Amino acid sequence: MKIVHLAKYYLPHLGGVEIHLNEINSLLVKMGHDVTVVVLKHNSKLADSTILNGVRVIRITNEVEKERSFEVKQEIWNFIKKHQDVFLEADVIHVHDVFWWILPIYKLVRKKVFITYHGWETEYPVRFNAKLQRYVSSKLSRGSIHVGSWIQKFYFDKPNYVTYGAINAKRLTKSGIKSHSHDCSQINIAFIGRLSKDNEVEKYIKTVELLRKMGHKINIVWIGDGEYHDKCEALGVVTGFVKNISQYFVNKDLIFSSSYLSILEAQLIGSNVCSFYSNNLKKAYLESFPGSKFLLIANTPESMVSKILLLFNSPKSQNIAKLEGREFAKQQTWSKVLNIYLKLWNEGLPNISD
């Protein structure tokens, strides 16, 4: 099959959607499929078109700072129209969140368009327009996938399938991760994600401060960057965004994260994961995750500290949680995720009669 994905970004840009796409595309290429991704050019030094790990990558030149302006939208639409042969020749067109990109040629390709919704707009409550846009996009698609069952609760559309992402255990094994001596006199922590308000960074900062006030020695590394860079750096090391985050997970007592992929990676390595929520949407996001019973979930720093200390005071419970979390993570493979895509495409395409 000829498969075309549309997404905001792709590798070497780092993010959850980028990892998701890279993993399923790698499997599709191994199966002999012809795969293309159409994305924004996030770095002017990147080529307009290239082959990356067997995947054809076509990049749209765009000023990211003006991404929401009408001029940029028009620029993207013009690009799509100019390259419409890429879409006309495809057997499957799969859109990842950015359904509006395909509108200029939708009538020509409508019979083979599918969509995956990966996240939310970081505004709570969810705006009516955002709900409506997803509903319409879903209705105009042959089928949809939600990354998390929480999406259906806060938006209007009902998916054909739900996934929570996966983990590439072989990639972690080959990453050169080695266990080092563990200093039991301190609590070793790693945060993974954007250092921004929507990632609850303020609460993680407060949690570290509370633990230190109680006399605990805290060693924390912040894997990411953002508006809270300076505040985080005052408490520990800030690495910025890195390609191989798993190297920072080794010998950590706790991982601070609220992203499915990061949570799975931490669980596979055998770390206890702490996740905050500040509204009902983020609470549903975490609690609907199949591996949520292996997480420490809280909405206040005080509550999180209590859960952390309770866990540390019971080494047996801590070890059981790590082992069970690891076994759960091992079962979450990208092959299973790809099977969802293949089922969706096979169910959607043969039913075309109009």
Foldseek 3Di string as FASTA:
>chain_A
DEEEEEDADEPPDDDDVNVLVVALVLVCVVVPYAAEYEYADPDPPDDQWDADNRYIYHHQYADVVCCPPPVRLVSLLVVCVVVVVSQLPGQAYEYEPPLSSCVVCCVSRQLHYEYEYEDAPLDPPHDPVRLVVVQVSQVSHLFYEYLFPLVVVRHPDDGPYYHVAAADVVCLVPPPADADDADPQAAEEEEEDACDVSQVNVQVLVLLVVCVVVPGHYEYEYAAYDDCRVVVVVVYHYDHHDDDPLSSLHNHQEYEGQRSHVLLSNLQNQHAYEGEDADPSSVSRQVRPPLNVLHHYDHHSVSSNVVSVVLVVDVVNSNVSSVVSNVVNVVGDSVVVSVVVVVSSVVRNVVDDD
